[in-house]
N, C-alpha and C. Protein backbone atom coordinates (compact mmCIF):
# COMPACT_ATOMS: atom_id res chain seq x y z
N MET A 1 0.84 -1.16 0.00
CA MET A 1 0.00 0.00 0.00
C MET A 1 0.88 1.22 0.00
N THR A 2 0.59 2.16 -0.89
CA THR A 2 1.41 3.37 -0.99
C THR A 2 0.77 4.47 -0.16
N ARG A 3 1.65 5.29 0.41
CA ARG A 3 1.16 6.42 1.21
C ARG A 3 1.40 7.70 0.45
N HIS A 4 0.39 8.54 0.46
CA HIS A 4 0.55 9.88 -0.16
C HIS A 4 0.65 10.89 0.96
N THR A 5 1.74 11.65 0.96
CA THR A 5 1.89 12.68 1.98
C THR A 5 2.06 14.04 1.31
N THR A 6 1.60 15.04 1.96
CA THR A 6 1.78 16.41 1.47
C THR A 6 3.05 16.96 2.09
N PRO A 7 3.93 17.55 1.29
CA PRO A 7 5.15 18.11 1.88
C PRO A 7 4.79 19.12 2.95
N ALA A 8 5.60 19.14 4.00
CA ALA A 8 5.29 19.98 5.17
C ALA A 8 5.32 21.46 4.83
N HIS A 9 6.12 21.88 3.85
CA HIS A 9 6.31 23.31 3.59
C HIS A 9 5.59 23.80 2.36
N SER A 10 4.74 23.06 1.76
CA SER A 10 4.09 23.52 0.53
C SER A 10 3.01 24.53 0.88
N ALA A 11 2.92 25.61 0.07
CA ALA A 11 1.92 26.65 0.29
C ALA A 11 0.62 26.22 -0.35
N PRO A 12 -0.49 26.60 0.25
CA PRO A 12 -1.77 26.25 -0.35
C PRO A 12 -1.94 26.95 -1.68
N LEU A 13 -2.53 26.29 -2.65
CA LEU A 13 -2.76 26.89 -3.96
C LEU A 13 -3.97 27.82 -3.90
N LEU A 14 -3.83 28.99 -4.62
CA LEU A 14 -4.94 29.91 -4.73
C LEU A 14 -5.92 29.39 -5.76
N PRO A 15 -7.17 29.73 -5.62
CA PRO A 15 -8.12 29.35 -6.67
C PRO A 15 -7.69 29.97 -7.99
N ARG A 16 -8.12 29.36 -9.08
CA ARG A 16 -7.71 29.77 -10.42
C ARG A 16 -8.00 31.25 -10.68
N THR A 17 -9.17 31.77 -10.29
CA THR A 17 -9.50 33.18 -10.56
C THR A 17 -8.59 34.12 -9.77
N ALA A 18 -8.24 33.77 -8.55
CA ALA A 18 -7.34 34.61 -7.75
C ALA A 18 -5.95 34.63 -8.38
N ARG A 19 -5.48 33.46 -8.88
CA ARG A 19 -4.18 33.42 -9.53
C ARG A 19 -4.17 34.28 -10.78
N ALA A 20 -5.25 34.25 -11.54
CA ALA A 20 -5.33 35.06 -12.76
C ALA A 20 -5.29 36.55 -12.42
N ARG A 21 -6.03 36.94 -11.40
CA ARG A 21 -6.02 38.37 -10.99
C ARG A 21 -4.64 38.80 -10.54
N LEU A 22 -3.98 37.94 -9.76
CA LEU A 22 -2.64 38.26 -9.29
C LEU A 22 -1.67 38.42 -10.46
N ALA A 23 -1.76 37.52 -11.43
CA ALA A 23 -0.89 37.60 -12.61
C ALA A 23 -1.12 38.90 -13.38
N TRP A 24 -2.38 39.28 -13.56
CA TRP A 24 -2.70 40.54 -14.26
C TRP A 24 -2.17 41.74 -13.48
N ALA A 25 -2.30 41.71 -12.16
CA ALA A 25 -1.82 42.83 -11.34
C ALA A 25 -0.31 42.98 -11.45
N VAL A 26 0.40 41.84 -11.38
CA VAL A 26 1.86 41.88 -11.51
C VAL A 26 2.26 42.38 -12.90
N ALA A 27 1.58 41.91 -13.93
CA ALA A 27 1.89 42.36 -15.29
C ALA A 27 1.66 43.86 -15.43
N GLY A 28 0.57 44.36 -14.82
CA GLY A 28 0.28 45.80 -14.88
C GLY A 28 1.35 46.62 -14.20
N LEU A 29 1.80 46.17 -13.03
CA LEU A 29 2.85 46.89 -12.32
C LEU A 29 4.16 46.90 -13.10
N LEU A 30 4.50 45.77 -13.71
CA LEU A 30 5.72 45.72 -14.51
C LEU A 30 5.64 46.62 -15.72
N ALA A 31 4.47 46.68 -16.36
CA ALA A 31 4.30 47.56 -17.52
C ALA A 31 4.43 49.02 -17.11
N ALA A 32 3.81 49.38 -15.98
CA ALA A 32 3.90 50.77 -15.50
C ALA A 32 5.34 51.14 -15.17
N ALA A 33 6.05 50.20 -14.53
CA ALA A 33 7.45 50.46 -14.18
C ALA A 33 8.30 50.64 -15.42
N SER A 34 8.04 49.85 -16.46
CA SER A 34 8.85 49.98 -17.67
C SER A 34 8.56 51.28 -18.39
N LEU A 35 7.32 51.78 -18.31
CA LEU A 35 6.99 53.06 -18.95
C LEU A 35 7.68 54.21 -18.24
N THR A 36 7.67 54.22 -16.92
CA THR A 36 8.29 55.33 -16.21
C THR A 36 9.80 55.28 -16.33
N GLY A 37 10.35 54.12 -16.56
CA GLY A 37 11.80 54.01 -16.70
C GLY A 37 12.28 54.22 -18.11
N CYS A 38 11.39 54.33 -19.06
CA CYS A 38 11.80 54.41 -20.46
C CYS A 38 11.08 55.55 -21.16
N GLY A 39 11.78 56.62 -21.40
CA GLY A 39 11.21 57.71 -22.17
C GLY A 39 10.35 58.67 -21.37
N GLN A 40 10.07 58.37 -20.11
CA GLN A 40 9.24 59.26 -19.32
C GLN A 40 10.06 60.16 -18.39
N GLU A 41 11.37 59.97 -18.38
CA GLU A 41 12.20 60.77 -17.51
C GLU A 41 12.27 62.19 -18.05
N SER A 42 12.27 63.17 -17.14
CA SER A 42 12.37 64.55 -17.59
C SER A 42 13.82 64.83 -17.96
N ALA A 43 13.98 65.75 -18.90
CA ALA A 43 15.32 66.11 -19.34
C ALA A 43 16.06 66.75 -18.18
N PRO A 44 17.36 66.54 -18.08
CA PRO A 44 18.10 67.14 -16.98
C PRO A 44 18.02 68.66 -17.08
N GLN A 45 17.79 69.30 -15.95
CA GLN A 45 17.69 70.76 -15.91
C GLN A 45 19.08 71.37 -15.99
N ARG A 46 19.23 72.39 -16.85
CA ARG A 46 20.48 73.14 -16.88
C ARG A 46 20.55 74.00 -15.63
N PRO A 47 21.72 74.13 -15.02
CA PRO A 47 21.80 75.03 -13.88
C PRO A 47 21.48 76.45 -14.30
N ALA A 48 20.89 77.21 -13.41
CA ALA A 48 20.53 78.59 -13.73
C ALA A 48 21.80 79.38 -14.03
N ALA A 49 21.71 80.29 -15.00
CA ALA A 49 22.83 81.16 -15.33
C ALA A 49 23.04 82.14 -14.18
N VAL A 50 24.28 82.25 -13.70
CA VAL A 50 24.58 83.11 -12.55
C VAL A 50 25.94 83.77 -12.76
N THR A 51 26.06 85.04 -12.36
CA THR A 51 27.35 85.72 -12.33
C THR A 51 27.26 86.84 -11.31
N GLU A 52 28.39 87.37 -10.90
CA GLU A 52 28.37 88.52 -9.99
C GLU A 52 29.64 89.33 -10.16
N PHE A 53 29.57 90.59 -9.71
CA PHE A 53 30.73 91.47 -9.70
C PHE A 53 30.61 92.40 -8.51
N ASN A 54 31.72 93.02 -8.14
CA ASN A 54 31.72 93.99 -7.05
C ASN A 54 32.38 95.26 -7.57
N GLU A 55 31.66 96.37 -7.41
CA GLU A 55 32.21 97.64 -7.86
C GLU A 55 31.65 98.77 -7.02
N ASN A 56 32.54 99.65 -6.57
CA ASN A 56 32.18 100.86 -5.82
C ASN A 56 31.26 100.57 -4.62
N GLY A 57 31.67 99.59 -3.83
CA GLY A 57 30.99 99.34 -2.56
C GLY A 57 29.73 98.50 -2.63
N VAL A 58 29.46 97.88 -3.77
CA VAL A 58 28.24 97.07 -3.90
C VAL A 58 28.58 95.78 -4.65
N THR A 59 28.10 94.64 -4.13
CA THR A 59 28.20 93.38 -4.85
C THR A 59 26.89 93.18 -5.60
N VAL A 60 27.00 92.91 -6.90
CA VAL A 60 25.82 92.74 -7.75
C VAL A 60 25.81 91.30 -8.25
N ARG A 61 24.74 90.57 -7.95
CA ARG A 61 24.60 89.16 -8.36
C ARG A 61 23.46 89.07 -9.36
N LEU A 62 23.75 88.55 -10.56
CA LEU A 62 22.74 88.38 -11.60
C LEU A 62 22.47 86.89 -11.81
N SER A 63 21.21 86.55 -11.95
CA SER A 63 20.85 85.17 -12.28
C SER A 63 19.63 85.19 -13.20
N VAL A 64 19.48 84.11 -13.94
CA VAL A 64 18.31 83.94 -14.80
C VAL A 64 17.59 82.69 -14.33
N SER A 65 16.31 82.82 -14.01
CA SER A 65 15.53 81.67 -13.55
C SER A 65 14.39 81.40 -14.52
N ASP A 66 13.88 80.18 -14.46
CA ASP A 66 12.71 79.76 -15.25
C ASP A 66 12.92 79.96 -16.75
N TRP A 67 14.15 79.82 -17.24
CA TRP A 67 14.39 80.03 -18.68
C TRP A 67 13.78 78.86 -19.45
N ASP A 68 12.94 79.19 -20.42
CA ASP A 68 12.25 78.15 -21.19
C ASP A 68 12.35 78.49 -22.67
N ALA A 69 13.45 78.12 -23.29
CA ALA A 69 13.71 78.30 -24.73
C ALA A 69 13.93 79.76 -25.11
N SER A 70 13.00 80.66 -24.78
CA SER A 70 13.17 82.04 -25.22
C SER A 70 12.70 83.07 -24.20
N ALA A 71 12.31 82.65 -23.00
CA ALA A 71 11.83 83.61 -22.00
C ALA A 71 12.17 83.12 -20.60
N GLY A 72 12.29 84.06 -19.69
CA GLY A 72 12.59 83.73 -18.31
C GLY A 72 12.57 84.99 -17.46
N THR A 73 13.24 84.92 -16.32
CA THR A 73 13.25 86.03 -15.37
C THR A 73 14.68 86.37 -14.99
N LEU A 74 15.03 87.63 -15.17
CA LEU A 74 16.33 88.13 -14.74
C LEU A 74 16.19 88.63 -13.30
N VAL A 75 17.05 88.13 -12.41
CA VAL A 75 17.01 88.51 -11.00
C VAL A 75 18.36 89.13 -10.65
N VAL A 76 18.34 90.38 -10.18
CA VAL A 76 19.58 91.09 -9.86
C VAL A 76 19.51 91.57 -8.42
N THR A 77 20.47 91.13 -7.61
CA THR A 77 20.52 91.53 -6.20
C THR A 77 21.70 92.45 -5.98
N PHE A 78 21.43 93.63 -5.43
CA PHE A 78 22.44 94.64 -5.12
C PHE A 78 22.66 94.59 -3.60
N THR A 79 23.88 94.29 -3.16
CA THR A 79 24.17 94.22 -1.73
C THR A 79 25.30 95.17 -1.38
N PRO A 80 25.01 96.27 -0.66
CA PRO A 80 26.09 97.16 -0.23
C PRO A 80 27.09 96.40 0.64
N ASP A 81 28.36 96.71 0.47
CA ASP A 81 29.41 96.01 1.22
C ASP A 81 29.37 96.33 2.71
N GLU A 82 28.90 97.52 3.06
CA GLU A 82 28.92 97.93 4.47
C GLU A 82 27.50 98.20 4.96
N ALA A 83 27.30 97.92 6.24
CA ALA A 83 26.00 98.19 6.85
C ALA A 83 25.72 99.69 6.83
N GLY A 84 24.43 100.04 6.78
CA GLY A 84 24.04 101.44 6.82
C GLY A 84 23.99 102.12 5.47
N PHE A 85 24.23 101.37 4.38
CA PHE A 85 24.19 101.96 3.04
C PHE A 85 22.90 101.52 2.33
N HIS A 86 22.33 102.47 1.57
CA HIS A 86 21.11 102.19 0.81
C HIS A 86 21.37 102.47 -0.66
N LEU A 87 20.45 101.97 -1.51
CA LEU A 87 20.48 102.25 -2.94
C LEU A 87 19.29 103.14 -3.28
N TYR A 88 19.38 103.82 -4.41
CA TYR A 88 18.32 104.72 -4.85
C TYR A 88 17.25 103.97 -5.62
N SER A 89 16.06 104.53 -5.63
CA SER A 89 14.91 103.92 -6.31
C SER A 89 15.16 103.77 -7.81
N THR A 90 14.55 102.75 -8.40
CA THR A 90 14.60 102.59 -9.86
C THR A 90 13.86 103.73 -10.56
N ALA A 91 12.96 104.41 -9.82
CA ALA A 91 12.17 105.50 -10.41
C ALA A 91 12.87 106.86 -10.31
N LEU A 92 14.04 106.91 -9.69
CA LEU A 92 14.78 108.17 -9.60
C LEU A 92 15.15 108.63 -11.01
N PRO A 93 15.04 109.91 -11.33
CA PRO A 93 15.46 110.38 -12.66
C PRO A 93 16.93 110.05 -12.92
N ALA A 94 17.30 109.92 -14.18
CA ALA A 94 18.67 109.53 -14.55
C ALA A 94 19.72 110.46 -13.95
N GLN A 95 19.40 111.75 -13.84
CA GLN A 95 20.36 112.71 -13.29
C GLN A 95 20.17 112.93 -11.79
N GLY A 96 19.34 112.10 -11.17
CA GLY A 96 19.10 112.26 -9.74
C GLY A 96 18.11 113.39 -9.46
N ILE A 97 18.03 113.77 -8.24
CA ILE A 97 17.18 114.90 -7.83
C ILE A 97 18.11 116.02 -7.39
N GLU A 98 18.05 117.11 -8.15
CA GLU A 98 18.96 118.25 -7.93
C GLU A 98 20.40 117.76 -7.94
N GLY A 99 20.68 116.81 -8.83
CA GLY A 99 22.03 116.29 -8.99
C GLY A 99 22.43 115.23 -7.97
N VAL A 100 21.52 114.86 -7.07
CA VAL A 100 21.85 113.88 -6.04
C VAL A 100 21.23 112.53 -6.39
N GLY A 101 22.05 111.47 -6.31
CA GLY A 101 21.55 110.12 -6.51
C GLY A 101 21.73 109.62 -7.92
N ARG A 102 21.61 108.29 -8.04
CA ARG A 102 21.69 107.60 -9.34
C ARG A 102 20.69 106.46 -9.27
N PRO A 103 19.77 106.36 -10.22
CA PRO A 103 18.76 105.30 -10.12
C PRO A 103 19.37 103.90 -10.20
N THR A 104 18.76 102.98 -9.48
CA THR A 104 19.11 101.58 -9.62
C THR A 104 18.53 101.12 -10.95
N GLU A 105 19.38 100.58 -11.82
CA GLU A 105 18.95 100.30 -13.19
C GLU A 105 19.39 98.90 -13.64
N VAL A 106 18.49 98.21 -14.32
CA VAL A 106 18.76 96.91 -14.94
C VAL A 106 18.14 96.97 -16.33
N ARG A 107 18.99 96.96 -17.38
CA ARG A 107 18.46 97.14 -18.73
C ARG A 107 19.12 96.17 -19.71
N PRO A 108 18.38 95.15 -20.20
CA PRO A 108 18.95 94.25 -21.19
C PRO A 108 18.98 94.90 -22.57
N THR A 109 20.02 94.58 -23.34
CA THR A 109 20.14 95.08 -24.71
C THR A 109 20.65 93.95 -25.61
N GLY A 110 20.55 94.14 -26.91
CA GLY A 110 21.03 93.13 -27.85
C GLY A 110 19.97 92.10 -28.12
N SER A 111 20.35 90.81 -28.08
CA SER A 111 19.43 89.74 -28.45
C SER A 111 18.45 89.34 -27.34
N VAL A 112 18.53 90.03 -26.20
CA VAL A 112 17.59 89.79 -25.08
C VAL A 112 16.98 91.13 -24.70
N THR A 113 15.68 91.15 -24.51
CA THR A 113 14.98 92.38 -24.17
C THR A 113 14.03 92.17 -22.99
N SER A 114 13.59 93.25 -22.38
CA SER A 114 12.63 93.12 -21.28
C SER A 114 11.28 92.70 -21.85
N ALA A 115 10.54 91.93 -21.03
CA ALA A 115 9.25 91.40 -21.48
C ALA A 115 8.14 91.71 -20.48
N GLY A 116 8.37 92.71 -19.65
CA GLY A 116 7.37 93.06 -18.65
C GLY A 116 7.91 94.12 -17.71
N GLU A 117 7.18 94.36 -16.65
CA GLU A 117 7.54 95.40 -15.70
C GLU A 117 8.57 94.90 -14.69
N MET A 118 9.49 95.78 -14.33
CA MET A 118 10.47 95.51 -13.31
C MET A 118 9.80 95.58 -11.94
N THR A 119 10.14 94.67 -11.04
CA THR A 119 9.64 94.73 -9.67
C THR A 119 10.83 94.73 -8.71
N VAL A 120 10.61 95.28 -7.53
CA VAL A 120 11.66 95.38 -6.52
C VAL A 120 11.11 94.83 -5.21
N ASP A 121 11.93 94.11 -4.47
CA ASP A 121 11.46 93.43 -3.26
C ASP A 121 11.42 94.31 -2.02
N LYS A 122 11.81 95.57 -2.14
CA LYS A 122 11.79 96.48 -1.00
C LYS A 122 10.92 97.70 -1.31
N PRO A 123 10.28 98.26 -0.30
CA PRO A 123 9.47 99.46 -0.53
C PRO A 123 10.35 100.70 -0.66
N VAL A 124 9.85 101.67 -1.39
CA VAL A 124 10.56 102.95 -1.51
C VAL A 124 10.20 103.82 -0.32
N ARG A 125 11.20 104.50 0.21
CA ARG A 125 10.95 105.52 1.24
C ARG A 125 11.71 106.76 0.81
N THR A 126 11.36 107.88 1.37
CA THR A 126 12.05 109.12 0.99
C THR A 126 12.89 109.62 2.15
N ILE A 127 13.99 110.26 1.80
CA ILE A 127 14.87 110.85 2.81
C ILE A 127 15.17 112.30 2.41
N LYS A 128 15.55 113.05 3.38
CA LYS A 128 16.01 114.42 3.13
C LYS A 128 17.52 114.42 3.11
N VAL A 129 18.07 115.06 2.10
CA VAL A 129 19.52 115.16 1.96
C VAL A 129 19.90 116.62 2.13
N PRO A 130 20.92 116.91 2.95
CA PRO A 130 21.33 118.31 3.15
C PRO A 130 21.63 118.99 1.81
N GLY A 131 21.10 120.18 1.64
CA GLY A 131 21.33 120.95 0.43
C GLY A 131 20.37 120.63 -0.71
N VAL A 132 19.45 119.67 -0.50
CA VAL A 132 18.48 119.29 -1.53
C VAL A 132 17.09 119.60 -0.99
N THR A 133 16.31 120.40 -1.75
CA THR A 133 15.00 120.81 -1.24
C THR A 133 13.95 119.70 -1.35
N SER A 134 14.06 118.85 -2.38
CA SER A 134 13.08 117.78 -2.57
C SER A 134 13.51 116.50 -1.85
N ALA A 135 12.52 115.70 -1.44
CA ALA A 135 12.82 114.40 -0.85
C ALA A 135 13.39 113.47 -1.92
N VAL A 136 14.28 112.59 -1.51
CA VAL A 136 14.95 111.68 -2.44
C VAL A 136 14.46 110.26 -2.18
N PRO A 137 13.94 109.55 -3.23
CA PRO A 137 13.44 108.19 -3.03
C PRO A 137 14.57 107.15 -2.99
N VAL A 138 14.58 106.37 -1.91
CA VAL A 138 15.60 105.34 -1.74
C VAL A 138 14.94 104.05 -1.25
N TYR A 139 15.72 102.97 -1.23
CA TYR A 139 15.29 101.72 -0.61
C TYR A 139 15.88 101.67 0.79
N PRO A 140 15.32 100.85 1.68
CA PRO A 140 15.91 100.71 3.01
C PRO A 140 17.35 100.23 2.91
N ASP A 141 18.15 100.52 3.94
CA ASP A 141 19.54 100.07 3.96
C ASP A 141 19.62 98.56 3.75
N GLY A 142 20.64 98.13 3.04
CA GLY A 142 20.86 96.69 2.84
C GLY A 142 20.56 96.24 1.43
N PRO A 143 20.48 94.91 1.24
CA PRO A 143 20.29 94.35 -0.11
C PRO A 143 18.94 94.69 -0.72
N VAL A 144 18.94 94.80 -2.03
CA VAL A 144 17.72 95.05 -2.80
C VAL A 144 17.75 94.11 -4.01
N THR A 145 16.62 93.45 -4.28
CA THR A 145 16.54 92.54 -5.43
C THR A 145 15.55 93.07 -6.45
N VAL A 146 16.03 93.19 -7.68
CA VAL A 146 15.22 93.64 -8.82
C VAL A 146 14.92 92.41 -9.68
N THR A 147 13.66 92.26 -10.08
CA THR A 147 13.24 91.14 -10.92
C THR A 147 12.65 91.69 -12.21
N LEU A 148 13.07 91.12 -13.34
CA LEU A 148 12.62 91.62 -14.63
C LEU A 148 12.34 90.44 -15.58
N PRO A 149 11.11 90.32 -16.10
CA PRO A 149 10.86 89.30 -17.14
C PRO A 149 11.64 89.67 -18.40
N ILE A 150 12.26 88.66 -19.01
CA ILE A 150 13.03 88.91 -20.24
C ILE A 150 12.68 87.86 -21.29
N ARG A 151 12.99 88.19 -22.55
CA ARG A 151 12.80 87.22 -23.63
C ARG A 151 13.90 87.43 -24.67
N ALA A 152 14.21 86.37 -25.38
CA ALA A 152 15.21 86.43 -26.44
C ALA A 152 14.52 86.83 -27.73
N THR A 153 15.12 87.75 -28.46
CA THR A 153 14.59 88.16 -29.76
C THR A 153 15.28 87.41 -30.89
N ALA A 154 16.47 86.87 -30.61
CA ALA A 154 17.24 86.11 -31.61
C ALA A 154 18.40 85.44 -30.89
N PRO A 155 19.02 84.43 -31.49
CA PRO A 155 20.23 83.88 -30.89
C PRO A 155 21.35 84.90 -30.97
N GLY A 156 22.29 84.84 -30.04
CA GLY A 156 23.45 85.72 -30.14
C GLY A 156 23.76 86.45 -28.86
N GLU A 157 24.56 87.50 -29.01
CA GLU A 157 25.09 88.24 -27.88
C GLU A 157 24.10 89.27 -27.36
N ALA A 158 24.14 89.46 -26.06
CA ALA A 158 23.33 90.49 -25.40
C ALA A 158 24.15 91.06 -24.25
N LYS A 159 23.63 92.10 -23.65
CA LYS A 159 24.25 92.69 -22.46
C LYS A 159 23.15 93.08 -21.49
N VAL A 160 23.49 93.07 -20.22
CA VAL A 160 22.64 93.68 -19.21
C VAL A 160 23.40 94.88 -18.70
N LEU A 161 22.82 96.07 -18.85
CA LEU A 161 23.45 97.30 -18.37
C LEU A 161 22.96 97.58 -16.96
N ILE A 162 23.90 97.74 -16.04
CA ILE A 162 23.61 97.91 -14.62
C ILE A 162 24.02 99.31 -14.18
N GLY A 163 23.16 99.96 -13.40
CA GLY A 163 23.49 101.26 -12.82
C GLY A 163 23.02 101.33 -11.39
N TYR A 164 23.76 102.06 -10.56
CA TYR A 164 23.38 102.22 -9.14
C TYR A 164 24.33 103.19 -8.45
N ALA A 165 23.96 103.59 -7.26
CA ALA A 165 24.85 104.29 -6.33
C ALA A 165 24.38 103.93 -4.93
N SER A 166 25.33 103.80 -4.02
CA SER A 166 24.96 103.52 -2.63
C SER A 166 25.40 104.69 -1.75
N CYS A 167 24.57 104.97 -0.76
CA CYS A 167 24.84 106.09 0.14
C CYS A 167 24.54 105.72 1.57
N SER A 168 25.16 106.44 2.47
CA SER A 168 24.90 106.32 3.90
C SER A 168 24.62 107.71 4.44
N SER A 169 23.69 107.80 5.39
CA SER A 169 23.37 109.12 5.94
C SER A 169 24.52 109.66 6.78
N THR A 170 25.45 108.79 7.19
CA THR A 170 26.57 109.26 8.01
C THR A 170 27.91 109.19 7.28
N GLU A 171 28.05 108.27 6.32
CA GLU A 171 29.34 108.05 5.64
C GLU A 171 29.43 108.69 4.27
N GLY A 172 28.33 109.21 3.75
CA GLY A 172 28.33 109.78 2.41
C GLY A 172 28.05 108.73 1.35
N CYS A 173 28.39 109.03 0.10
CA CYS A 173 28.04 108.17 -1.03
C CYS A 173 29.27 107.58 -1.70
N THR A 174 29.07 106.42 -2.32
CA THR A 174 30.12 105.84 -3.15
C THR A 174 30.02 106.46 -4.54
N ILE A 175 31.04 106.24 -5.36
CA ILE A 175 31.01 106.74 -6.73
C ILE A 175 29.93 105.99 -7.49
N PRO A 176 29.03 106.68 -8.20
CA PRO A 176 27.96 105.98 -8.94
C PRO A 176 28.52 105.09 -10.05
N VAL A 177 27.77 104.02 -10.35
CA VAL A 177 28.09 103.13 -11.45
C VAL A 177 27.02 103.32 -12.51
N ALA A 178 27.44 103.56 -13.76
CA ALA A 178 26.48 103.77 -14.84
C ALA A 178 26.80 102.85 -16.01
N ASP A 179 25.78 102.18 -16.52
CA ASP A 179 25.91 101.34 -17.72
C ASP A 179 27.05 100.33 -17.62
N ARG A 180 27.18 99.71 -16.48
CA ARG A 180 28.17 98.62 -16.30
C ARG A 180 27.63 97.40 -17.05
N ALA A 181 28.33 97.00 -18.12
CA ALA A 181 27.84 95.94 -19.01
C ALA A 181 28.22 94.56 -18.49
N VAL A 182 27.24 93.67 -18.46
CA VAL A 182 27.45 92.26 -18.14
C VAL A 182 27.05 91.46 -19.38
N ALA A 183 28.00 90.71 -19.94
CA ALA A 183 27.73 89.96 -21.18
C ALA A 183 26.78 88.81 -20.92
N LEU A 184 25.88 88.62 -21.87
CA LEU A 184 24.87 87.57 -21.80
C LEU A 184 24.78 86.95 -23.19
N ARG A 185 24.67 85.63 -23.24
CA ARG A 185 24.60 84.96 -24.56
C ARG A 185 23.41 84.04 -24.62
N ASN A 186 22.65 84.17 -25.71
CA ASN A 186 21.54 83.27 -25.98
C ASN A 186 21.99 82.30 -27.06
N GLY A 187 22.30 81.06 -26.64
CA GLY A 187 22.81 80.06 -27.58
C GLY A 187 21.88 78.86 -27.67
N THR A 188 22.31 77.87 -28.44
CA THR A 188 21.50 76.67 -28.63
C THR A 188 21.34 75.88 -27.33
N ASP A 189 22.29 76.01 -26.41
CA ASP A 189 22.20 75.27 -25.16
C ASP A 189 21.61 76.11 -24.02
N GLY A 190 21.00 77.26 -24.37
CA GLY A 190 20.33 78.08 -23.36
C GLY A 190 20.99 79.42 -23.17
N LEU A 191 20.63 80.06 -22.09
CA LEU A 191 21.12 81.40 -21.78
C LEU A 191 22.27 81.29 -20.80
N SER A 192 23.33 82.06 -21.03
CA SER A 192 24.48 82.02 -20.13
C SER A 192 25.13 83.39 -20.06
N PHE A 193 25.79 83.67 -18.94
CA PHE A 193 26.52 84.91 -18.80
C PHE A 193 27.91 84.73 -19.38
N GLY A 194 28.45 85.82 -19.94
CA GLY A 194 29.76 85.79 -20.55
C GLY A 194 29.66 85.63 -22.05
N ALA A 195 30.61 86.19 -22.76
CA ALA A 195 30.62 86.10 -24.22
C ALA A 195 31.02 84.70 -24.64
N ALA A 196 30.72 84.35 -25.88
CA ALA A 196 31.05 83.01 -26.41
C ALA A 196 32.55 82.85 -26.52
């Protein structure tokens, strides 16, 4: 007489319909995994274009964010080197008020142009300057960030012209900077600072 024994470690079999459902679920997961791993990856992001310079008591940092083929945002931060210094409003006349002050200016030229209104992250306040009858519009002491939408009009060379002056109510003013050119290039691989 033969004995039939069930192996001690065998797992119970699932009913046929449960096995079919499990097989379909596994196949679906594998298909989804293969789709996300093949052709669905986003293209690597280029690092944002960034440069900076320091002139006449102010460090100026320029960057371009959200660049998408032909448009993005130019962000320029002006940071006085010493505490207690402020910059003048972007709305200050080019010659200042009664000859005092120099407007904070960010102006793209060449193959890149402005595509909207400039905004500033600090409120304007007015101060009285000895010998000047009118109030002078300035930003609070410390860093100021100017944001400007920009767009490319064609591939090639461009410049961002920067202007500013920093002053202190106790230390006086630094020498103004006017039309300080920062090279910008719109190429096939995106926007970058510096000439080709």
